[in-house]
Amino acid sequence: MKLSAAEIDRARRILELGEKASLKEIRAAYRVLSKKWHPDKCKKKDERECHEKMKEINKAYKTILHYIENYNYSFAEEKVLEDSPEERWKKQFGRDPTWGEGWG
């Protein structure tokens, strides 16, 4: 299944996620929305709306999981340094006596 950027963004918005989220945050957002919109928690008159909203939430969650499961991670040093400000700082200033750990 090939996902477009628009589909991923729509799923992200449905789950009320920011532009960056960890797997833990994704799961937490799904649980919160599931508790809120689960048809068993809805009043009789809102049951259809809750059912449709729950279908939308489930589809968004599956879309996001599919995206992150099939994402190619880079283990190149440049990418690791880009994703870790602390590592980048150590590489840039680690030997500097003023900013880093110094020479000793």
C-alpha atoms as a PDB file:
ATOM      1  CA  MET A   1       0.000   0.000   0.000  1.00  0.00           C
ATOM      2  CA  LYS A   2       1.553   3.283  -1.147  1.00  0.00           C
ATOM      3  CA  LEU A   3       0.557   6.280   0.962  1.00  0.00           C
ATOM      4  CA  SER A   4       0.527   9.864  -0.196  1.00  0.00           C
ATOM      5  CA  ALA A   5       1.689  12.755   1.959  1.00  0.00           C
ATOM      6  CA  ALA A   6      -1.900  14.042   2.007  1.00  0.00           C
ATOM      7  CA  GLU A   7      -3.209  10.726   3.390  1.00  0.00           C
ATOM      8  CA  ILE A   8      -0.568  10.678   6.107  1.00  0.00           C
ATOM      9  CA  ASP A   9      -1.246  14.315   7.008  1.00  0.00           C
ATOM     10  CA  ARG A  10      -4.993  13.691   7.158  1.00  0.00           C
ATOM     11  CA  ALA A  11      -4.446  10.693   9.442  1.00  0.00           C
ATOM     12  CA  ARG A  12      -2.145  12.766  11.647  1.00  0.00           C
ATOM     13  CA  ARG A  13      -4.781  15.473  11.980  1.00  0.00           C
ATOM     14  CA  ILE A  14      -7.548  12.976  12.765  1.00  0.00           C
ATOM     15  CA  LEU A  15      -5.409  11.595  15.586  1.00  0.00           C
ATOM     16  CA  GLU A  16      -4.705  15.185  16.691  1.00  0.00           C
ATOM     17  CA  LEU A  17      -0.930  14.731  16.430  1.00  0.00           C
ATOM     18  CA  GLY A  18       1.672  17.398  15.851  1.00  0.00           C
ATOM     19  CA  GLU A  19       4.116  17.232  12.966  1.00  0.00           C
ATOM     20  CA  LYS A  20       6.393  15.034  15.069  1.00  0.00           C
ATOM     21  CA  ALA A  21       5.260  12.229  17.351  1.00  0.00           C
ATOM     22  CA  SER A  22       6.783   9.168  18.937  1.00  0.00           C
ATOM     23  CA  LEU A  23       5.125   5.767  18.750  1.00  0.00           C
ATOM     24  CA  LYS A  24       4.199   6.193  22.405  1.00  0.00           C
ATOM     25  CA  GLU A  25       2.458   9.502  21.631  1.00  0.00           C
ATOM     26  CA  ILE A  26       0.641   7.996  18.640  1.00  0.00           C
ATOM     27  CA  ARG A  27      -0.687   5.122  20.736  1.00  0.00           C
ATOM     28  CA  ALA A  28      -1.712   7.479  23.541  1.00  0.00           C
ATOM     29  CA  ALA A  29      -3.607   9.749  21.120  1.00  0.00           C
ATOM     30  CA  TYR A  30      -5.394   6.719  19.663  1.00  0.00           C
ATOM     31  CA  ARG A  31      -6.409   5.486  23.122  1.00  0.00           C
ATOM     32  CA  VAL A  32      -7.733   8.905  24.164  1.00  0.00           C
ATOM     33  CA  LEU A  33      -9.807   9.285  20.998  1.00  0.00           C
ATOM     34  CA  SER A  34     -11.029   5.679  21.170  1.00  0.00           C
ATOM     35  CA  LYS A  35     -12.294   6.215  24.707  1.00  0.00           C
ATOM     36  CA  LYS A  36     -14.005   9.426  23.668  1.00  0.00           C
ATOM     37  CA  TRP A  37     -15.678   8.123  20.489  1.00  0.00           C
ATOM     38  CA  HIS A  38     -16.260   4.411  21.122  1.00  0.00           C
ATOM     39  CA  PRO A  39     -19.893   3.562  20.243  1.00  0.00           C
ATOM     40  CA  ASP A  40     -20.385   1.834  23.609  1.00  0.00           C
ATOM     41  CA  LYS A  41     -19.698   5.170  25.331  1.00  0.00           C
ATOM     42  CA  CYS A  42     -22.098   7.173  23.147  1.00  0.00           C
ATOM     43  CA  LYS A  43     -25.679   8.047  23.869  1.00  0.00           C
ATOM     44  CA  LYS A  44     -28.286   6.307  21.740  1.00  0.00           C
ATOM     45  CA  LYS A  45     -28.944   9.338  19.513  1.00  0.00           C
ATOM     46  CA  ASP A  46     -25.226   9.829  18.778  1.00  0.00           C
ATOM     47  CA  GLU A  47     -24.440   6.169  18.161  1.00  0.00           C
ATOM     48  CA  ARG A  48     -24.198   6.501  14.366  1.00  0.00           C
ATOM     49  CA  GLU A  49     -21.917   9.555  14.583  1.00  0.00           C
ATOM     50  CA  CYS A  50     -19.677   7.749  17.099  1.00  0.00           C
ATOM     51  CA  HIS A  51     -19.550   4.669  14.894  1.00  0.00           C
ATOM     52  CA  GLU A  52     -18.456   6.741  11.874  1.00  0.00           C
ATOM     53  CA  LYS A  53     -15.923   8.726  13.914  1.00  0.00           C
ATOM     54  CA  MET A  54     -14.484   5.495  15.348  1.00  0.00           C
ATOM     55  CA  LYS A  55     -14.087   4.068  11.826  1.00  0.00           C
ATOM     56  CA  GLU A  56     -12.236   7.239  10.827  1.00  0.00           C
ATOM     57  CA  ILE A  57      -9.961   7.045  13.908  1.00  0.00           C
ATOM     58  CA  ASN A  58      -9.172   3.357  13.286  1.00  0.00           C
ATOM     59  CA  LYS A  59      -8.339   4.008   9.642  1.00  0.00           C
ATOM     60  CA  ALA A  60      -6.095   6.953  10.579  1.00  0.00           C
ATOM     61  CA  TYR A  61      -4.302   4.864  13.200  1.00  0.00           C
ATOM     62  CA  LYS A  62      -3.702   2.025  10.720  1.00  0.00           C
ATOM     63  CA  THR A  63      -2.449   4.532   8.141  1.00  0.00           C
ATOM     64  CA  ILE A  64       0.058   6.047  10.574  1.00  0.00           C
ATOM     65  CA  LEU A  65       1.231   2.616  11.762  1.00  0.00           C
ATOM     66  CA  HIS A  66       1.670   1.447   8.187  1.00  0.00           C
ATOM     67  CA  TYR A  67       3.704   4.560   7.420  1.00  0.00           C
ATOM     68  CA  ILE A  68       6.033   4.206  10.393  1.00  0.00           C
ATOM     69  CA  GLU A  69       6.443   0.446   9.956  1.00  0.00           C
ATOM     70  CA  ASN A  70       7.587   0.932   6.379  1.00  0.00           C
ATOM     71  CA  TYR A  71       9.734   4.006   6.961  1.00  0.00           C
ATOM     72  CA  ASN A  72      13.401   3.636   6.092  1.00  0.00           C
ATOM     73  CA  TYR A  73      15.604   4.862   8.897  1.00  0.00           C
ATOM     74  CA  SER A  74      19.027   6.238   8.171  1.00  0.00           C
ATOM     75  CA  PHE A  75      21.917   5.114  10.360  1.00  0.00           C
ATOM     76  CA  ALA A  76      24.381   7.376   8.585  1.00  0.00           C
ATOM     77  CA  GLU A  77      26.410   9.484  11.006  1.00  0.00           C
ATOM     78  CA  GLU A  78      25.141  12.740   9.495  1.00  0.00           C
ATOM     79  CA  LYS A  79      21.518  11.742  10.020  1.00  0.00           C
ATOM     80  CA  VAL A  80      22.116  10.522  13.573  1.00  0.00           C
ATOM     81  CA  LEU A  81      23.842  13.818  14.380  1.00  0.00           C
ATOM     82  CA  GLU A  82      20.986  15.753  12.778  1.00  0.00           C
ATOM     83  CA  ASP A  83      18.413  13.928  14.919  1.00  0.00           C
ATOM     84  CA  SER A  84      20.451  14.214  18.130  1.00  0.00           C
ATOM     85  CA  PRO A  85      21.474  17.757  19.085  1.00  0.00           C
ATOM     86  CA  GLU A  86      23.538  16.432  21.999  1.00  0.00           C
ATOM     87  CA  GLU A  87      25.614  14.187  19.725  1.00  0.00           C
ATOM     88  CA  ARG A  88      26.045  17.011  17.221  1.00  0.00           C
ATOM     89  CA  TRP A  89      27.222  19.326  20.033  1.00  0.00           C
ATOM     90  CA  LYS A  90      29.741  16.731  21.259  1.00  0.00           C
ATOM     91  CA  LYS A  91      31.106  16.232  17.758  1.00  0.00           C
ATOM     92  CA  GLN A  92      31.397  19.969  17.121  1.00  0.00           C
ATOM     93  CA  PHE A  93      32.637  21.161  20.521  1.00  0.00           C
ATOM     94  CA  GLY A  94      33.648  18.021  22.406  1.00  0.00           C
ATOM     95  CA  ARG A  95      37.371  18.875  22.490  1.00  0.00           C
ATOM     96  CA  ASP A  96      36.876  22.591  23.056  1.00  0.00           C
ATOM     97  CA  PRO A  97      38.014  23.592  26.564  1.00  0.00           C
ATOM     98  CA  THR A  98      35.321  26.268  26.843  1.00  0.00           C
ATOM     99  CA  TRP A  99      32.254  24.556  25.328  1.00  0.00           C
ATOM    100  CA  GLY A 100      33.039  20.860  25.472  1.00  0.00           C
ATOM    101  CA  GLU A 101      34.733  18.388  27.750  1.00  0.00           C
ATOM    102  CA  GLY A 102      38.161  19.822  27.036  1.00  0.00           C
ATOM    103  CA  TRP A 103      41.345  18.028  26.062  1.00  0.00           C
ATOM    104  CA  GLY A 104      41.814  15.981  29.148  1.00  0.00           C
END
